[in-house]
Amino acid sequence: MKRLTEHLIVISFDCLSALDYPILKDLPHFQELLARGSFCRHVKTIYPSVTYPCHATLVTGKYPNRHGVVNNTLLQPGRDSPDWHWHRKSVKGTTLYDEARKANMTTAALLWPVTAKADIDYNMPEIFANRPWHNQILVSLLNGTPLYQLQMNRLFGHIRKGLDQPELDDFVLESTIETIKRKPDLLLVHFTDLDTQRHYHGFASEEAHAALRRHDERLGRIIKALQDNGLYDKSTIVALGDHSALDESKAVQLNTLLKEKGLITVTDRGKVTDWKAYCKGCDGSAYVYTKDPATVQEVKSLLSKLQQDPSNGIEFILTGEEAAAKGADGQCSFMLEARPGFYFKDVLDGSFIHSVTKEDVKNKRYTYGSHGYSPEKADYSTIFMAAGRGIRSNVEIPSMRLIDEGPTFARLLGLTLEDTDGEPIEALLNI
């Protein structure tokens, strides 16, 4: 298959929404991208629309239940901070970066989710120190490319303030600019500044708008780095979102009821010793897992009663089979969708419905904005922009799906992703 570009740069601006388009079209560097290339402002995300499943979809072209990353975090009942799907082994089948490596292309990934221990030439994976005895830099080094990461930390580590934003994205930006000097064939970059601001300040907050302006500056710096290194005319630049977000003010804490009904057993100190049913949140949606058929019926009855009262925050209930038909985890017994203004939390203590306070958000226990909702929700699309080699100019695609983006990237690089759910968007491509 003919290769359409020499260098593919995919920039994921986490939580970039179709609703941001009126702002983006007036920001200079996004404006340049839109003017030069093609775009779609109605990209249908996946279910659940959370970051790790979305990013696994972007590099596989598959729905979560087929690539295996069905949530951000693992099912670890009772753990205050569950482990995430950090590692490449969570993804079933091949990925865009695997196929690029097989074709002897040079690959780079900076904080791209689900890439820990992946076969990537320059790999700075997104992975957190999730145990008291862990050291953040050491955890990153051991799960990515050690010498590369040591160099990036030596050059730019002073910029970072732990995981705080916008400093983390500023560190990623400088590392990206340095990595462009190595001229990778495939470069995957993940920025989370906007997502963080929307979580803690709300969708249309001034903090979120400031993050959009910072992202425009970051895009401009990447474009300049491509020009400075003689890559600009040989490259395809993609800027995309993985999901949108919705404001919320109330948390649905179903596990408090399941514990009350004896379906979750805890010690005096609150440690889970056993469970028959457990609610695993995905922010705007949630999985409910059960261990036996009798519990399924009991939970079904409980959920049906709760759903009848809108103040309980449950918009609809899917069976495991219905969830699987939407691409979510068919191993669940039920999947719940939150009503607008609500989201799900895994916590075991407190009230069933918790009204979020400023103090909650300040202490990062709760948020003002969430994603994870059904892609069928109104005004919940994300956005896609591409320009450069292999991309047609001035084409607006009326609609596309997140599952189509991976196959489109593969086509640009002359590669094939196996057994995808999506298709290359050939209307974008200058074939």
Protein backbone atom coordinates (compact mmCIF):
# COMPACT_ATOMS: atom_id res chain seq x y z
CA MET A 1 0.00 0.00 0.00
CA LYS A 2 1.31 3.43 -0.97
CA ARG A 3 2.58 5.57 1.89
CA LEU A 4 1.02 9.06 1.79
CA THR A 5 3.27 10.83 4.31
CA GLU A 6 6.82 10.56 5.64
CA HIS A 7 6.00 11.75 9.17
CA LEU A 8 2.70 11.46 11.02
CA ILE A 9 2.31 13.68 14.09
CA VAL A 10 -0.83 12.90 16.11
CA ILE A 11 -1.57 15.41 18.87
CA SER A 12 -4.33 14.43 21.28
CA PHE A 13 -5.80 17.38 23.16
CA ASP A 14 -7.66 15.49 25.84
CA CYS A 15 -11.30 16.64 26.23
CA LEU A 16 -11.30 18.82 23.08
CA SER A 17 -14.96 19.19 22.14
CA ALA A 18 -16.92 19.98 18.99
CA LEU A 19 -18.30 22.88 21.04
CA ASP A 20 -14.79 24.36 21.07
CA TYR A 21 -14.83 24.91 17.31
CA PRO A 22 -16.03 28.57 17.44
CA ILE A 23 -13.03 29.35 19.68
CA LEU A 24 -10.49 27.21 17.79
CA LYS A 25 -11.27 28.75 14.39
CA ASP A 26 -10.17 32.15 15.72
CA LEU A 27 -6.94 30.97 17.38
CA PRO A 28 -3.98 31.48 15.01
CA HIS A 29 -2.41 28.01 14.91
CA PHE A 30 -5.65 26.01 14.96
CA GLN A 31 -6.86 28.46 12.30
CA GLU A 32 -3.77 27.65 10.19
CA LEU A 33 -4.44 23.91 10.52
CA LEU A 34 -8.11 24.34 9.59
CA ALA A 35 -7.24 26.57 6.61
CA ARG A 36 -4.60 24.19 5.22
CA GLY A 37 -6.34 20.90 5.75
CA SER A 38 -9.53 19.00 6.47
CA PHE A 39 -11.60 18.64 9.59
CA CYS A 40 -14.68 17.11 11.20
CA ARG A 41 -16.51 18.79 14.07
CA HIS A 42 -18.88 15.88 14.68
CA VAL A 43 -16.75 12.92 15.74
CA LYS A 44 -18.68 10.25 17.61
CA THR A 45 -16.65 8.97 20.54
CA ILE A 46 -16.89 5.51 22.15
CA TYR A 47 -18.67 4.11 25.21
CA PRO A 48 -17.51 4.61 27.92
CA SER A 49 -15.98 7.87 26.70
CA VAL A 50 -13.02 7.99 29.08
CA THR A 51 -9.40 8.65 28.17
CA TYR A 52 -7.72 5.23 28.21
CA PRO A 53 -10.37 3.34 26.21
CA CYS A 54 -10.46 6.30 23.77
CA HIS A 55 -6.70 6.29 23.23
CA ALA A 56 -6.58 2.53 22.80
CA THR A 57 -9.34 2.96 20.17
CA LEU A 58 -7.30 5.67 18.41
CA VAL A 59 -4.40 3.25 17.79
CA THR A 60 -6.46 0.10 17.09
CA GLY A 61 -9.63 1.25 15.33
CA LYS A 62 -11.60 -1.00 17.67
CA TYR A 63 -14.30 -0.59 20.31
CA PRO A 64 -13.26 -1.09 23.95
CA ASN A 65 -14.67 -4.60 24.33
CA ARG A 66 -12.56 -5.71 21.37
CA HIS A 67 -9.26 -4.00 22.25
CA GLY A 68 -9.71 -4.87 25.94
CA VAL A 69 -9.31 -1.46 27.61
CA VAL A 70 -12.88 -1.10 28.87
CA ASN A 71 -12.23 1.58 31.51
CA ASN A 72 -9.46 3.88 32.72
CA THR A 73 -8.85 1.80 35.85
CA LEU A 74 -8.86 -1.86 36.82
CA LEU A 75 -11.59 -3.55 38.82
CA GLN A 76 -10.00 -3.47 42.30
CA PRO A 77 -12.93 -3.14 44.75
CA GLY A 78 -12.22 -0.98 47.76
CA ARG A 79 -8.85 0.36 46.66
CA ASP A 80 -8.77 4.15 47.11
CA SER A 81 -6.55 4.60 44.07
CA PRO A 82 -7.02 1.67 41.64
CA ASP A 83 -4.30 0.92 39.12
CA TRP A 84 -4.89 2.15 35.58
CA HIS A 85 -4.61 0.31 32.26
CA TRP A 86 -1.11 1.70 31.93
CA HIS A 87 0.55 -1.20 30.14
CA ARG A 88 0.62 -2.21 26.48
CA LYS A 89 -0.39 -5.73 27.55
CA SER A 90 -3.90 -4.38 28.29
CA VAL A 91 -4.46 -3.91 24.53
CA LYS A 92 -5.51 -7.02 22.61
CA GLY A 93 -4.17 -7.40 19.09
CA THR A 94 -1.97 -4.99 17.18
CA THR A 95 -1.67 -1.21 17.32
CA LEU A 96 -0.63 1.56 14.96
CA TYR A 97 2.78 1.84 16.63
CA ASP A 98 3.32 -1.95 16.46
CA GLU A 99 2.61 -1.96 12.72
CA ALA A 100 4.91 1.04 12.23
CA ARG A 101 7.74 -0.77 14.03
CA LYS A 102 7.18 -3.90 11.89
CA ALA A 103 7.64 -1.66 8.82
CA ASN A 104 10.95 -0.38 10.28
CA MET A 105 9.54 3.05 11.03
CA THR A 106 10.81 5.07 13.99
CA THR A 107 8.15 5.63 16.64
CA ALA A 108 7.77 8.04 19.55
CA ALA A 109 5.04 8.46 22.18
CA LEU A 110 4.82 11.08 24.92
CA LEU A 111 2.32 10.42 27.72
CA TRP A 112 0.15 8.44 25.30
CA PRO A 113 -2.11 6.21 27.42
CA VAL A 114 -1.67 2.42 27.58
CA THR A 115 1.92 2.40 26.26
CA ALA A 116 3.94 1.32 29.32
CA LYS A 117 6.48 -1.31 28.23
CA ALA A 118 5.40 -0.92 24.58
CA ASP A 119 7.89 -1.48 21.75
CA ILE A 120 8.30 2.21 20.91
CA ASP A 121 11.70 3.77 20.12
CA TYR A 122 11.22 6.92 22.19
CA ASN A 123 8.63 6.12 24.84
CA MET A 124 7.62 8.33 27.75
CA PRO A 125 4.51 6.47 28.95
CA GLU A 126 1.69 7.89 31.03
CA ILE A 127 2.04 5.98 34.29
CA PHE A 128 1.74 7.19 37.88
CA ALA A 129 3.54 6.30 41.09
CA ASN A 130 0.51 4.61 42.65
CA ARG A 131 2.03 3.17 45.82
CA PRO A 132 3.55 5.08 48.77
CA TRP A 133 6.95 3.49 48.11
CA HIS A 134 6.99 4.33 44.37
CA ASN A 135 9.07 7.13 42.86
CA GLN A 136 7.47 8.86 39.86
CA ILE A 137 10.61 9.26 37.74
CA LEU A 138 11.77 5.69 38.44
CA VAL A 139 8.33 4.24 37.58
CA SER A 140 8.37 6.13 34.26
CA LEU A 141 11.94 5.09 33.44
CA LEU A 142 11.25 1.40 34.09
CA ASN A 143 8.18 1.37 31.85
CA GLY A 144 9.43 3.40 28.90
CA THR A 145 12.73 4.16 27.14
CA PRO A 146 15.18 4.85 30.02
CA LEU A 147 17.98 6.85 28.37
CA TYR A 148 15.55 8.93 26.33
CA GLN A 149 13.49 9.78 29.40
CA LEU A 150 16.58 10.57 31.45
CA GLN A 151 17.64 13.05 28.80
CA MET A 152 14.19 14.69 28.68
CA ASN A 153 14.12 14.93 32.48
CA ARG A 154 17.64 16.36 32.59
CA LEU A 155 16.73 19.02 30.01
CA PHE A 156 13.19 19.86 31.07
CA GLY A 157 12.44 18.22 34.42
CA HIS A 158 12.65 21.61 36.16
CA ILE A 159 9.44 22.68 34.34
CA ARG A 160 7.29 19.95 35.84
CA LYS A 161 5.49 20.22 39.20
CA GLY A 162 4.47 16.62 39.75
CA LEU A 163 1.27 15.99 37.77
CA ASP A 164 0.04 19.60 38.07
CA GLN A 165 -1.21 21.45 35.00
CA PRO A 166 -0.28 23.41 32.96
CA GLU A 167 3.33 22.60 33.96
CA LEU A 168 3.02 18.91 33.00
CA ASP A 169 1.90 19.77 29.45
CA ASP A 170 4.66 22.40 29.23
CA PHE A 171 7.17 19.64 30.05
CA VAL A 172 5.59 17.33 27.45
CA LEU A 173 5.74 20.14 24.87
CA GLU A 174 9.46 20.80 25.35
CA SER A 175 10.13 17.05 25.24
CA THR A 176 8.08 16.81 22.03
CA ILE A 177 10.08 19.60 20.38
CA GLU A 178 13.33 17.86 21.36
CA THR A 179 11.98 14.53 20.07
CA ILE A 180 11.09 16.05 16.68
CA LYS A 181 14.86 16.56 16.16
CA ARG A 182 15.08 12.73 15.99
CA LYS A 183 12.66 12.79 13.02
CA PRO A 184 10.31 9.94 14.02
CA ASP A 185 8.02 8.52 11.35
CA LEU A 186 5.18 8.31 13.89
CA LEU A 187 4.86 10.70 16.83
CA LEU A 188 1.99 10.37 19.33
CA VAL A 189 1.55 13.16 21.89
CA HIS A 190 -1.07 13.45 24.65
CA PHE A 191 -1.84 16.78 26.37
CA THR A 192 -4.23 16.84 29.38
CA ASP A 193 -4.29 20.53 30.43
CA LEU A 194 -7.80 21.16 29.04
CA ASP A 195 -9.21 17.97 30.56
CA THR A 196 -7.84 18.92 33.98
CA GLN A 197 -9.32 22.43 33.85
CA ARG A 198 -12.73 21.11 32.80
CA HIS A 199 -12.75 18.58 35.63
CA TYR A 200 -11.94 21.11 38.32
CA HIS A 201 -13.48 24.33 36.98
CA GLY A 202 -16.27 23.31 34.59
CA PHE A 203 -16.72 22.94 30.83
CA ALA A 204 -16.96 26.60 29.78
CA SER A 205 -14.85 28.05 32.60
CA GLU A 206 -12.26 30.75 31.98
CA GLU A 207 -9.64 28.20 33.11
CA ALA A 208 -10.76 25.88 30.28
CA HIS A 209 -10.66 28.73 27.76
CA ALA A 210 -7.15 29.63 28.96
CA ALA A 211 -6.11 25.99 28.40
CA LEU A 212 -7.43 26.19 24.82
CA ARG A 213 -5.25 29.25 24.23
CA ARG A 214 -2.24 27.43 25.73
CA HIS A 215 -2.96 24.47 23.46
CA ASP A 216 -2.94 26.80 20.46
CA GLU A 217 0.50 28.03 21.50
CA ARG A 218 1.65 24.41 21.94
CA LEU A 219 0.41 23.54 18.46
CA GLY A 220 2.27 26.56 17.09
CA ARG A 221 5.51 25.47 18.80
CA ILE A 222 5.20 21.97 17.31
CA ILE A 223 4.57 23.38 13.82
CA LYS A 224 7.65 25.63 14.18
CA ALA A 225 9.77 22.67 15.35
CA LEU A 226 8.73 20.73 12.24
CA GLN A 227 9.71 23.73 10.09
CA ASP A 228 13.04 24.22 11.90
CA ASN A 229 13.96 20.55 11.37
CA GLY A 230 12.98 20.43 7.68
CA LEU A 231 10.02 18.13 8.31
CA TYR A 232 7.05 20.43 7.80
CA ASP A 233 6.52 19.78 4.07
CA LYS A 234 6.98 16.02 4.57
CA SER A 235 4.59 15.72 7.52
CA THR A 236 0.94 15.24 8.34
CA ILE A 237 -0.22 17.05 11.48
CA VAL A 238 -3.34 15.77 13.24
CA ALA A 239 -5.00 17.55 16.17
CA LEU A 240 -7.87 15.70 17.76
CA GLY A 241 -10.03 15.24 20.83
CA ASP A 242 -10.92 11.93 22.45
CA HIS A 243 -14.21 12.91 24.09
CA SER A 244 -16.17 15.97 25.21
CA ALA A 245 -17.34 16.72 28.77
CA LEU A 246 -20.45 17.79 30.65
CA ASP A 247 -20.86 19.83 33.81
CA GLU A 248 -22.12 17.97 36.89
CA SER A 249 -22.82 18.81 40.51
CA LYS A 250 -23.96 15.53 42.04
CA ALA A 251 -22.21 12.19 42.47
CA VAL A 252 -24.12 8.89 42.42
CA GLN A 253 -22.42 6.58 44.94
CA LEU A 254 -24.14 3.23 44.33
CA ASN A 255 -21.64 1.20 46.35
CA THR A 256 -22.94 2.86 49.53
CA LEU A 257 -26.31 1.17 48.88
CA LEU A 258 -24.74 -2.14 47.84
CA LYS A 259 -22.75 -2.15 51.08
CA GLU A 260 -25.89 -1.29 53.08
CA LYS A 261 -27.67 -4.29 51.52
CA GLY A 262 -24.83 -6.67 52.41
CA LEU A 263 -23.58 -7.06 48.84
CA ILE A 264 -20.20 -5.55 49.74
CA THR A 265 -18.47 -6.64 52.95
CA VAL A 266 -15.96 -4.32 54.62
CA THR A 267 -13.85 -4.33 57.78
CA ASP A 268 -14.16 -1.74 60.55
CA ARG A 269 -11.41 0.19 58.76
CA GLY A 270 -13.34 0.17 55.51
CA LYS A 271 -11.29 -2.47 53.65
CA VAL A 272 -13.35 -4.62 51.25
CA THR A 273 -13.08 -8.30 52.21
CA ASP A 274 -15.75 -9.67 49.87
CA TRP A 275 -18.36 -8.50 47.38
CA LYS A 276 -21.30 -9.94 45.45
CA ALA A 277 -22.00 -6.76 43.47
CA TYR A 278 -19.80 -3.74 42.81
CA CYS A 279 -20.30 -0.49 40.91
CA LYS A 280 -17.24 0.48 38.88
CA GLY A 281 -17.55 4.08 37.77
CA CYS A 282 -16.58 5.52 34.38
CA ASP A 283 -17.60 9.06 35.42
CA GLY A 284 -20.70 9.68 33.28
CA SER A 285 -21.48 5.97 33.13
CA ALA A 286 -20.78 2.97 35.34
CA TYR A 287 -20.44 -0.78 35.15
CA VAL A 288 -22.13 -2.98 37.75
CA TYR A 289 -20.44 -6.36 38.16
CA THR A 290 -21.98 -9.29 40.03
CA LYS A 291 -20.70 -12.72 41.08
CA ASP A 292 -23.81 -14.95 40.92
CA PRO A 293 -27.25 -15.14 39.23
CA ALA A 294 -29.21 -14.52 42.44
CA THR A 295 -27.34 -11.25 42.96
CA VAL A 296 -28.11 -10.19 39.37
CA GLN A 297 -31.83 -10.32 40.09
CA GLU A 298 -31.47 -8.48 43.39
CA VAL A 299 -29.41 -5.71 41.81
CA LYS A 300 -31.75 -5.48 38.81
CA SER A 301 -34.69 -4.90 41.15
CA LEU A 302 -32.75 -2.26 43.11
CA LEU A 303 -31.65 -0.39 39.98
CA SER A 304 -35.13 -0.44 38.45
CA LYS A 305 -36.57 1.19 41.57
CA LEU A 306 -33.81 3.80 41.69
CA GLN A 307 -34.21 4.74 38.03
CA GLN A 308 -37.90 5.62 38.52
CA ASP A 309 -36.92 8.69 40.57
CA PRO A 310 -34.98 11.26 38.46
CA SER A 311 -33.30 12.62 41.62
CA ASN A 312 -31.31 9.35 41.80
CA GLY A 313 -29.43 10.37 38.67
CA ILE A 314 -29.77 7.19 36.59
CA GLU A 315 -30.90 7.94 33.02
CA PHE A 316 -30.93 4.40 31.65
CA ILE A 317 -29.82 0.85 32.46
CA LEU A 318 -28.26 -1.56 29.95
CA THR A 319 -27.75 -5.30 30.36
CA GLY A 320 -24.29 -6.71 29.76
CA GLU A 321 -25.38 -7.81 26.28
CA GLU A 322 -26.70 -4.33 25.47
CA ALA A 323 -23.48 -2.75 26.77
CA ALA A 324 -21.43 -5.08 24.54
CA ALA A 325 -23.53 -4.10 21.52
CA LYS A 326 -22.40 -0.51 22.13
CA GLY A 327 -18.75 -1.59 22.36
CA ALA A 328 -18.49 -1.55 26.17
CA ASP A 329 -17.61 -4.40 28.54
CA GLY A 330 -20.02 -7.29 28.05
CA GLN A 331 -18.67 -8.92 31.23
CA CYS A 332 -20.68 -6.46 33.32
CA SER A 333 -24.16 -7.38 34.51
CA PHE A 334 -25.43 -3.83 33.97
CA MET A 335 -24.20 -0.53 32.59
CA LEU A 336 -25.66 2.70 33.93
CA GLU A 337 -25.83 6.10 32.26
CA ALA A 338 -25.96 9.22 34.41
CA ARG A 339 -28.54 11.91 33.89
CA PRO A 340 -27.20 15.39 32.98
CA GLY A 341 -25.74 16.99 36.11
CA PHE A 342 -24.76 13.63 37.66
CA TYR A 343 -21.74 11.32 37.51
CA PHE A 344 -20.67 8.10 39.25
CA LYS A 345 -18.14 7.57 42.04
CA ASP A 346 -16.88 4.24 43.41
CA VAL A 347 -16.76 5.34 47.05
CA LEU A 348 -18.21 3.10 49.78
CA ASP A 349 -18.99 5.71 52.44
CA GLY A 350 -21.24 8.74 52.62
CA SER A 351 -24.62 9.34 51.04
CA PHE A 352 -26.00 7.65 47.93
CA ILE A 353 -26.31 11.07 46.23
CA HIS A 354 -23.54 13.49 47.15
CA SER A 355 -23.87 17.18 46.28
CA VAL A 356 -20.43 18.42 45.22
CA THR A 357 -19.03 21.35 47.24
CA LYS A 358 -16.21 23.79 46.49
CA GLU A 359 -14.19 22.14 49.24
CA ASP A 360 -14.67 18.72 47.60
CA VAL A 361 -13.28 20.05 44.32
CA LYS A 362 -10.47 22.01 45.97
CA ASN A 363 -9.31 18.78 47.66
CA LYS A 364 -9.71 16.91 44.32
CA ARG A 365 -12.14 14.42 45.85
CA TYR A 366 -14.89 15.36 43.38
CA THR A 367 -15.14 17.34 40.14
CA TYR A 368 -17.33 19.92 38.38
CA GLY A 369 -16.99 18.36 34.92
CA SER A 370 -16.96 14.77 33.68
CA HIS A 371 -16.87 12.60 30.60
CA GLY A 372 -17.54 8.87 30.20
CA TYR A 373 -21.10 9.59 29.04
CA SER A 374 -22.86 7.88 26.13
CA PRO A 375 -21.81 9.14 22.69
CA GLU A 376 -25.52 9.48 21.98
CA LYS A 377 -25.77 12.43 24.43
CA ALA A 378 -26.63 15.76 22.78
CA ASP A 379 -23.73 18.20 22.14
CA TYR A 380 -21.19 15.57 23.13
CA SER A 381 -19.13 15.13 19.95
CA THR A 382 -15.39 15.60 19.76
CA ILE A 383 -13.36 17.08 16.88
CA PHE A 384 -10.68 16.09 14.32
CA MET A 385 -8.34 18.26 12.24
CA ALA A 386 -5.56 17.24 9.85
CA ALA A 387 -3.28 19.06 7.42
CA GLY A 388 -0.17 18.40 5.38
CA ARG A 389 1.03 15.46 3.31
CA GLY A 390 -1.71 13.10 2.19
CA ILE A 391 -4.54 15.36 3.40
CA ARG A 392 -6.94 17.21 1.11
CA SER A 393 -7.37 20.94 1.57
CA ASN A 394 -10.57 22.67 2.65
CA VAL A 395 -12.68 19.55 3.17
CA GLU A 396 -15.18 19.38 6.01
CA ILE A 397 -16.28 15.83 6.77
CA PRO A 398 -19.92 15.96 8.01
CA SER A 399 -19.43 13.16 10.57
CA MET A 400 -17.03 10.39 11.51
CA ARG A 401 -16.32 8.03 14.42
CA LEU A 402 -13.37 7.71 16.77
CA ILE A 403 -12.95 4.12 15.50
CA ASP A 404 -12.24 5.53 12.00
CA GLU A 405 -9.20 7.53 13.05
CA GLY A 406 -6.75 4.64 13.62
CA PRO A 407 -7.42 3.10 10.18
CA THR A 408 -7.03 6.58 8.64
CA PHE A 409 -3.63 7.00 10.36
CA ALA A 410 -2.57 3.57 9.14
CA ARG A 411 -3.56 4.44 5.56
CA LEU A 412 -1.45 7.63 5.73
CA LEU A 413 1.59 5.56 6.71
CA GLY A 414 0.89 2.85 4.11
CA LEU A 415 0.03 0.37 6.86
CA THR A 416 -2.97 -1.84 7.64
CA LEU A 417 -4.58 -2.34 11.04
CA GLU A 418 -6.10 -5.80 11.30
CA ASP A 419 -9.77 -6.53 11.94
CA THR A 420 -10.87 -2.98 12.80
CA ASP A 421 -14.36 -1.74 13.61
CA GLY A 422 -13.67 1.53 11.80
CA GLU A 423 -12.72 2.43 8.22
CA PRO A 424 -10.23 4.92 6.75
CA ILE A 425 -11.91 8.25 5.97
CA GLU A 426 -10.84 8.43 2.33
CA ALA A 427 -12.67 11.73 1.78
CA LEU A 428 -9.91 13.31 3.92
CA LEU A 429 -7.08 11.68 2.02
CA ASN A 430 -5.25 12.91 -1.06
CA ILE A 431 -4.77 9.49 -2.62
